[in-house]
Each structure stands twice: as C-alpha cells, then as structure tokens.
Amino acid sequence: MKIALIGYGKMGKEIEQIALSRGHSVVLKIDVNNPEELTNENLAKADVAIEFTSPATAINNYQQCFDAGVPVVSGTTGWLNRKAEVDKKCLDKNGCFFYASNFSLGVNIFFEMNKYLARIMKDFPQYDVSMVEVHHTQKLDAPSGTAISLADDIIAINETKNNWTIDIPQSDNELYIRPVREGVVPGIHTIKYDSDVDFIEITHSAYSRKGFAFGAVLAAEFCKGRKGILSMQDLLKF
C-alpha cells in the first residue's frame, strides 16, 4: 500500500517505521517545510493518507484528500466542532474518512471498559465521577480528544452528568476533567468514581507513541476499498 503522510513530526516518523515494517511504502511526506506539495497530483500517488497535524490545518488537509479521491485517516484532535461539515464533504465526494481521537488498541479497549463501568455506576449516585488526563507539554489541546471521548460516553450513559468542564464544576451535573501537561508523557487517562467511603478507578497509561502509530497503520489498511465514515469501532468490531 502506498501511503501519504500529512504531518511528519514525531508521530509521522513513528507511523513511517511501522508502515515500512509491514511492507508498505511512503510516497509523500508533508510537514511545515513543504505544505505546497500537498496537491491533488501528489496525493494521487497514494492509496491512503494518514494525517496527524494541528487543529488549524487539519480540515483543509481532509478536504484536499477528499478532492483528490484519497481515503484519509486522521488522529488530529481539537477540531470536532466542525466534524459534521467534514463528514458531509466526505460523503458528498464519495470518499473515505477514518477518524479516531486515539488509535491505540489499548485505549479503545479502555473506551469499552469506561462505558461498561458507567452503565454499572449510573445506579449508584453516591459516587461522583471525574477524570484526570496527563500529556506531554507539546500537546496543543486540552482536554485531550481521548478525554472528551471518554467524557461523552459517560454523559450519554450517566444521567447525573450533562456536560464536562476543565474548570472547577459549578454544579453536580458537570463532569470535571483535569488536564495536566508535564514532561514527555505520551498519555495517561484516569476515570475515578469517588464516594464518602471509597473510590473506584480505572486507568490507561501509554508507554510510547508506538501503540498509536500501529493503530493508525491498521486503520489505513482497513480503509482500502471502503467508503464512508469509519472509526475504531468498525475496525475492532466492538
């Protein structure tokens, strides 16, 4: 499979190594030094594009891929307020868009654990749920896309919460997410249910970016020959 890498920072380089080890080739690399090379002509050389950039550039990158008829896999976060617009553009172009807030297989198992625990805990209102997410200092968005996905799943199940906040909650209906930015931490997410007598906690900790990169390459392989809006739930058959 021929891959275009849109975003060639630390994550892009990790993706490249895994893609090459699985027999794929990288035919285009785009970073801050050559954005002008992201053209329909260059994208046409690829079977799929993998995009890890920034919220400021991601949507234009997606649209460029849709216009070129190239499936795009993206893990960029911080732009989801425009996801309906992106999905519509993809479908209008009969394209393929695979988005995940986190491509790690372990994190996606953790998503399912989070939903399972939320279903149990909704019947025990004496436990208040909150979250802490820790990432490296270079991460631009807070809370993380993964934290937002976890929070949205809890809110959809637990009727005591109707929104999340990174500020000190002003009411019991708000789910508090505390973002921490320190060192070179790849990502730690902890869900805590706290009562007057005890607490229950589940945590996912990433050792490195390798798990995210591996999942992104699996997603790219999954996109081949497919159309529409895809997710890790489709890939993992959850």
Protein backbone atom coordinates (compact mmCIF):
# COMPACT_ATOMS: atom_id res chain seq x y z
CA MET A 1 0.00 0.00 0.00
CA LYS A 2 1.27 3.49 -0.86
CA ILE A 3 0.88 5.98 1.97
CA ALA A 4 0.94 9.79 2.08
CA LEU A 5 1.99 11.14 5.47
CA ILE A 6 0.48 14.55 6.19
CA GLY A 7 2.36 15.61 9.28
CA TYR A 8 5.90 14.32 9.61
CA GLY A 9 6.72 15.08 13.21
CA LYS A 10 7.36 12.51 15.93
CA MET A 11 4.10 10.69 15.26
CA GLY A 12 4.57 10.76 11.49
CA LYS A 13 8.04 9.25 11.80
CA GLU A 14 6.73 6.54 14.13
CA ILE A 15 3.96 5.73 11.63
CA GLU A 16 6.51 5.57 8.82
CA GLN A 17 8.62 2.99 10.66
CA ILE A 18 5.63 0.74 11.34
CA ALA A 19 4.26 1.13 7.80
CA LEU A 20 7.59 0.16 6.27
CA SER A 21 7.90 -2.83 8.61
CA ARG A 22 4.51 -4.05 7.35
CA GLY A 23 5.57 -3.86 3.71
CA HIS A 24 4.02 -0.52 2.79
CA SER A 25 5.75 2.42 1.13
CA VAL A 26 5.58 6.15 1.89
CA VAL A 27 5.23 8.12 -1.34
CA LEU A 28 4.58 11.61 0.10
CA LYS A 29 5.67 13.38 3.28
CA ILE A 30 4.19 16.76 4.17
CA ASP A 31 5.33 18.94 7.06
CA VAL A 32 5.66 22.64 7.86
CA ASN A 33 8.53 22.96 5.38
CA ASN A 34 6.66 21.82 2.25
CA PRO A 35 2.87 22.43 2.58
CA GLU A 36 2.76 23.50 -1.08
CA GLU A 37 3.43 19.88 -2.07
CA LEU A 38 0.02 18.78 -0.76
CA THR A 39 -1.59 18.76 -4.21
CA ASN A 40 -4.09 16.52 -5.96
CA GLU A 41 -1.32 15.37 -8.28
CA ASN A 42 0.93 14.28 -5.43
CA LEU A 43 -1.92 12.74 -3.43
CA ALA A 44 -2.93 10.69 -6.47
CA LYS A 45 0.27 8.68 -5.99
CA ALA A 46 -1.07 7.34 -2.68
CA ASP A 47 -3.65 4.70 -1.81
CA VAL A 48 -4.36 6.38 1.53
CA ALA A 49 -3.29 9.45 3.51
CA ILE A 50 -2.52 9.42 7.24
CA GLU A 51 -2.94 12.86 8.81
CA PHE A 52 -1.52 13.97 12.17
CA THR A 53 -1.12 17.76 12.17
CA SER A 54 -2.87 20.52 14.12
CA PRO A 55 -6.46 21.74 14.51
CA ALA A 56 -5.62 24.82 12.44
CA THR A 57 -4.65 22.82 9.33
CA ALA A 58 -6.48 19.51 9.66
CA ILE A 59 -9.77 20.39 7.96
CA ASN A 60 -8.10 21.84 4.87
CA ASN A 61 -5.98 18.70 4.70
CA TYR A 62 -9.06 16.47 4.84
CA GLN A 63 -10.78 18.46 2.11
CA GLN A 64 -7.69 18.23 -0.10
CA CYS A 65 -7.72 14.45 0.28
CA PHE A 66 -11.45 14.20 -0.46
CA ASP A 67 -10.97 16.33 -3.59
CA ALA A 68 -8.14 14.04 -4.70
CA GLY A 69 -10.24 10.91 -4.08
CA VAL A 70 -7.82 9.58 -1.47
CA PRO A 71 -9.04 7.94 1.77
CA VAL A 72 -7.79 9.81 4.82
CA VAL A 73 -7.02 8.51 8.31
CA SER A 74 -6.66 11.19 10.97
CA GLY A 75 -5.84 11.41 14.65
CA THR A 76 -5.67 15.19 14.88
CA THR A 77 -7.86 16.49 17.71
CA GLY A 78 -9.27 19.90 18.63
CA TRP A 79 -11.46 20.44 15.53
CA LEU A 80 -14.54 18.31 16.32
CA ASN A 81 -16.90 21.29 16.43
CA ARG A 82 -16.73 21.06 12.60
CA LYS A 83 -17.00 17.27 12.26
CA ALA A 84 -20.48 17.38 10.70
CA GLU A 85 -19.09 19.64 7.98
CA VAL A 86 -16.13 17.31 7.35
CA ASP A 87 -18.33 14.21 7.27
CA LYS A 88 -20.69 15.86 4.76
CA LYS A 89 -17.79 16.81 2.48
CA CYS A 90 -16.50 13.23 2.62
CA LEU A 91 -19.89 11.75 1.75
CA ASP A 92 -20.54 14.33 -0.99
CA LYS A 93 -17.25 13.28 -2.59
CA ASN A 94 -17.99 9.55 -2.06
CA GLY A 95 -14.78 9.44 -0.04
CA CYS A 96 -13.50 7.60 2.99
CA PHE A 97 -12.69 9.26 6.32
CA PHE A 98 -11.40 7.30 9.31
CA TYR A 99 -11.17 9.44 12.43
CA ALA A 100 -10.18 8.40 15.94
CA SER A 101 -9.35 10.53 18.96
CA ASN A 102 -6.91 7.74 19.82
CA PHE A 103 -5.73 4.85 17.62
CA SER A 104 -4.21 2.79 20.43
CA LEU A 105 -5.80 -0.66 20.65
CA GLY A 106 -5.47 -0.48 24.44
CA VAL A 107 -7.25 2.86 24.62
CA ASN A 108 -10.11 1.58 22.50
CA ILE A 109 -10.48 -1.39 24.86
CA PHE A 110 -10.42 1.21 27.66
CA PHE A 111 -13.27 3.08 25.94
CA GLU A 112 -15.38 -0.06 26.16
CA MET A 113 -14.41 -0.59 29.83
CA ASN A 114 -15.38 3.01 30.55
CA LYS A 115 -18.84 2.52 29.03
CA TYR A 116 -19.33 -0.77 30.88
CA LEU A 117 -18.38 0.81 34.22
CA ALA A 118 -20.59 3.85 33.52
CA ARG A 119 -23.58 1.55 32.98
CA ILE A 120 -22.96 -0.06 36.37
CA MET A 121 -22.29 3.19 38.25
CA LYS A 122 -25.34 5.07 36.95
CA ASP A 123 -27.38 3.23 39.60
CA PHE A 124 -25.09 4.42 42.41
CA PRO A 125 -25.40 8.24 42.55
CA GLN A 126 -23.37 8.42 45.78
CA TYR A 127 -20.28 8.04 43.57
CA ASP A 128 -19.19 11.21 41.79
CA VAL A 129 -17.25 10.67 38.57
CA SER A 130 -14.29 12.79 37.45
CA MET A 131 -11.27 12.43 35.19
CA VAL A 132 -7.57 13.32 35.02
CA GLU A 133 -5.65 13.28 31.74
CA VAL A 134 -1.88 13.77 31.58
CA HIS A 135 0.10 14.51 28.41
CA HIS A 136 3.41 15.98 27.29
CA THR A 137 3.88 19.74 27.29
CA GLN A 138 3.79 19.94 23.47
CA LYS A 139 0.17 18.78 23.26
CA LEU A 140 -1.80 21.74 21.96
CA ASP A 141 -5.37 20.92 23.03
CA ALA A 142 -6.81 20.45 26.50
CA PRO A 143 -8.62 18.34 27.37
CA SER A 144 -7.34 15.66 25.02
CA GLY A 145 -9.57 14.22 22.33
CA THR A 146 -9.41 10.91 24.18
CA ALA A 147 -10.63 12.56 27.39
CA ILE A 148 -13.52 14.17 25.52
CA SER A 149 -14.49 10.79 24.01
CA LEU A 150 -14.42 9.19 27.46
CA ALA A 151 -16.46 12.03 28.95
CA ASP A 152 -19.04 11.98 26.16
CA ASP A 153 -19.56 8.25 26.68
CA ILE A 154 -20.07 8.74 30.43
CA ILE A 155 -22.52 11.61 29.88
CA ALA A 156 -24.52 9.55 27.37
CA ILE A 157 -24.97 6.79 29.97
CA ASN A 158 -24.91 8.52 33.38
CA GLU A 159 -27.95 10.74 33.78
CA THR A 160 -26.38 12.70 36.66
CA LYS A 161 -23.95 14.43 34.23
CA ASN A 162 -24.99 16.58 31.28
CA ASN A 163 -21.71 18.25 30.27
CA TRP A 164 -17.98 18.28 31.03
CA THR A 165 -15.69 21.10 32.13
CA ILE A 166 -11.99 21.73 32.75
CA ASP A 167 -12.88 24.41 35.29
CA ILE A 168 -13.95 23.71 38.86
CA PRO A 169 -17.52 22.40 38.47
CA GLN A 170 -20.26 24.87 39.33
CA SER A 171 -22.90 22.14 39.71
CA ASP A 172 -23.17 18.41 40.34
CA ASN A 173 -24.22 17.95 36.72
CA GLU A 174 -20.77 18.80 35.38
CA LEU A 175 -18.09 16.15 34.84
CA TYR A 176 -14.72 17.57 35.86
CA ILE A 177 -11.75 16.83 33.58
CA ARG A 178 -8.39 17.95 34.95
CA PRO A 179 -5.81 18.32 32.16
CA VAL A 180 -2.14 18.08 33.21
CA ARG A 181 0.74 18.95 30.87
CA GLU A 182 4.17 17.79 32.01
CA GLY A 183 7.40 16.25 30.73
CA VAL A 184 7.24 13.83 27.80
CA VAL A 185 4.24 11.76 28.93
CA PRO A 186 2.60 10.05 25.89
CA GLY A 187 -0.79 9.87 27.62
CA ILE A 188 -2.48 8.80 30.88
CA HIS A 189 -6.25 8.82 31.38
CA THR A 190 -7.86 8.03 34.73
CA ILE A 191 -11.60 7.75 35.45
CA LYS A 192 -12.47 7.98 39.15
CA TYR A 193 -15.76 7.29 40.93
CA ASP A 194 -15.48 8.75 44.43
CA SER A 195 -17.81 8.35 47.42
CA ASP A 196 -17.61 9.18 51.12
CA VAL A 197 -16.35 5.69 51.94
CA ASP A 198 -14.24 4.56 48.96
CA PHE A 199 -13.39 5.14 45.32
CA ILE A 200 -13.17 3.10 42.12
CA GLU A 201 -10.59 3.97 39.49
CA ILE A 202 -9.63 2.74 36.01
CA THR A 203 -6.54 3.99 34.20
CA HIS A 204 -4.90 3.63 30.82
CA SER A 205 -1.23 4.62 30.52
CA ALA A 206 0.71 4.64 27.25
CA TYR A 207 4.40 3.70 27.30
CA SER A 208 5.15 5.40 23.97
CA ARG A 209 3.62 6.65 20.71
CA LYS A 210 4.16 3.25 19.10
CA GLY A 211 0.69 1.96 20.07
CA PHE A 212 -0.99 5.00 18.50
CA ALA A 213 1.09 4.68 15.32
CA PHE A 214 0.40 0.95 14.96
CA GLY A 215 -3.34 1.55 15.23
CA ALA A 216 -3.17 4.31 12.61
CA VAL A 217 -1.47 1.97 10.14
CA LEU A 218 -4.09 -0.72 10.83
CA ALA A 219 -6.77 1.90 10.14
CA ALA A 220 -5.11 2.81 6.84
CA GLU A 221 -5.09 -0.85 5.83
CA PHE A 222 -8.77 -1.12 6.81
CA CYS A 223 -9.71 1.85 4.58
CA LYS A 224 -8.59 0.16 1.37
CA GLY A 225 -11.63 -0.39 -0.82
CA ARG A 226 -14.04 1.18 1.69
CA LYS A 227 -16.16 4.33 1.56
CA GLY A 228 -17.89 6.48 4.15
CA ILE A 229 -17.19 7.49 7.75
CA LEU A 230 -15.22 4.89 9.71
CA SER A 231 -13.99 4.54 13.27
CA MET A 232 -12.04 2.21 15.54
CA GLN A 233 -15.35 0.54 16.46
CA ASP A 234 -15.64 -0.57 12.82
CA LEU A 235 -12.05 -1.78 12.74
CA LEU A 236 -12.17 -3.65 16.06
CA LYS A 237 -15.79 -4.84 15.58
CA PHE A 238 -16.91 -3.59 19.01
